[in-house]
Protein backbone atom coordinates (compact mmCIF):
# COMPACT_ATOMS: atom_id res chain seq x y z
CA MET A 1 -29.56 318.61 224.10
CA LEU A 2 -28.13 317.64 220.72
CA LYS A 3 -29.97 318.85 217.60
CA ILE A 4 -29.42 317.64 214.09
CA LYS A 5 -30.30 319.54 210.91
CA PHE A 6 -29.70 318.38 207.36
CA ASN A 7 -27.91 321.02 205.30
CA SER A 8 -29.11 320.65 201.71
CA ASN A 9 -26.29 322.88 200.41
CA THR A 10 -23.48 320.77 201.82
CA LYS A 11 -25.45 317.48 201.87
CA LYS A 12 -24.22 316.97 205.43
CA PHE A 13 -25.84 316.70 208.85
CA ASP A 14 -25.08 319.70 211.04
CA LEU A 15 -24.97 318.92 214.75
CA TYR A 16 -25.77 321.65 217.26
CA LYS A 17 -25.59 321.64 221.03
CA GLU A 18 -28.56 323.39 222.59
CA THR A 19 -27.87 325.27 225.81
CA ILE A 20 -29.82 327.62 228.02
CA GLU A 21 -28.15 330.89 228.98
CA ASN A 22 -29.96 333.71 230.75
CA ASN A 23 -33.27 331.92 230.19
CA GLU A 24 -32.62 331.87 226.42
CA ILE A 25 -32.15 328.75 224.33
CA LYS A 26 -28.99 328.99 222.24
CA GLU A 27 -27.74 326.65 219.55
CA VAL A 28 -23.98 326.27 219.28
CA PHE A 29 -22.62 324.63 216.15
CA LYS A 30 -20.72 321.46 216.92
CA GLU A 31 -19.80 319.71 213.63
CA SER A 32 -20.93 318.67 210.16
CA LEU A 33 -21.07 314.98 209.34
CA THR A 34 -21.58 312.94 206.19
CA HIS A 35 -24.11 310.12 206.08
CA GLU A 36 -21.37 307.59 206.84
CA GLU A 37 -20.05 309.66 209.73
CA MET A 38 -23.58 309.93 211.14
CA ASN A 39 -23.89 306.13 211.07
CA GLU A 40 -20.61 305.90 213.03
CA LYS A 41 -21.90 308.44 215.60
CA ILE A 42 -25.12 306.42 215.99
CA LYS A 43 -23.06 303.26 216.64
CA GLU A 44 -20.88 305.16 219.13
CA TYR A 45 -23.85 306.62 221.02
CA SER A 46 -25.65 303.24 220.98
CA ALA A 47 -22.62 301.61 222.59
CA GLN A 48 -22.50 304.34 225.25
CA ILE A 49 -26.22 303.91 225.98
CA SER A 50 -25.77 300.16 226.23
CA ASN A 51 -22.89 300.56 228.70
CA ILE A 52 -24.89 302.99 230.84
CA THR A 53 -27.88 300.65 230.80
CA ASN A 54 -25.68 297.71 231.87
CA ASN A 55 -24.24 299.78 234.74
CA ILE A 56 -27.71 300.79 235.91
CA ASN A 57 -28.77 297.13 235.90
CA ILE A 58 -25.70 296.12 237.91
CA PHE A 59 -26.35 298.89 240.46
CA TYR A 60 -30.01 297.90 240.71
CA LEU A 61 -29.11 294.25 241.34
CA ALA A 62 -26.53 295.27 243.94
CA VAL A 63 -29.08 297.39 245.79
CA GLN A 64 -31.60 294.52 245.71
CA LYS A 65 -29.04 292.01 246.97
CA TYR A 66 -27.54 294.21 249.67
CA PRO A 67 -30.17 296.33 251.52
CA SER A 68 -29.02 299.60 253.02
CA ASN A 69 -28.86 298.19 256.55
CA GLN A 70 -26.18 295.70 255.40
CA ILE A 71 -23.90 298.18 253.67
CA LEU A 72 -20.79 299.11 255.64
CA LYS A 73 -19.61 302.71 255.72
CA LEU A 74 -16.13 303.25 254.36
CA GLU A 75 -14.13 305.99 255.99
C-alpha cells in the first residue's frame, strides 16, 4: 500500500510503500514530492486506473458475448 505524509519541515509530501515482512508492517521511503508533483502523480494514477477499468469492462463484455462453451482452446 502507498502511504502519504506531509512533511512540514520540507513542505513536501513524503511517499512511503508499506510492506509486510515477517508479520510486521514496514514503511519504506519512496520519494518526496512538491504540491505540483503530487498533482502530476494523481493525474498519472488516475489515467492508470481508467485504463484498468476500461480493460475490465472489455473483458466483462467479451465473457458475456462468448460463453465458456464457445471458447476454443489454443495449444
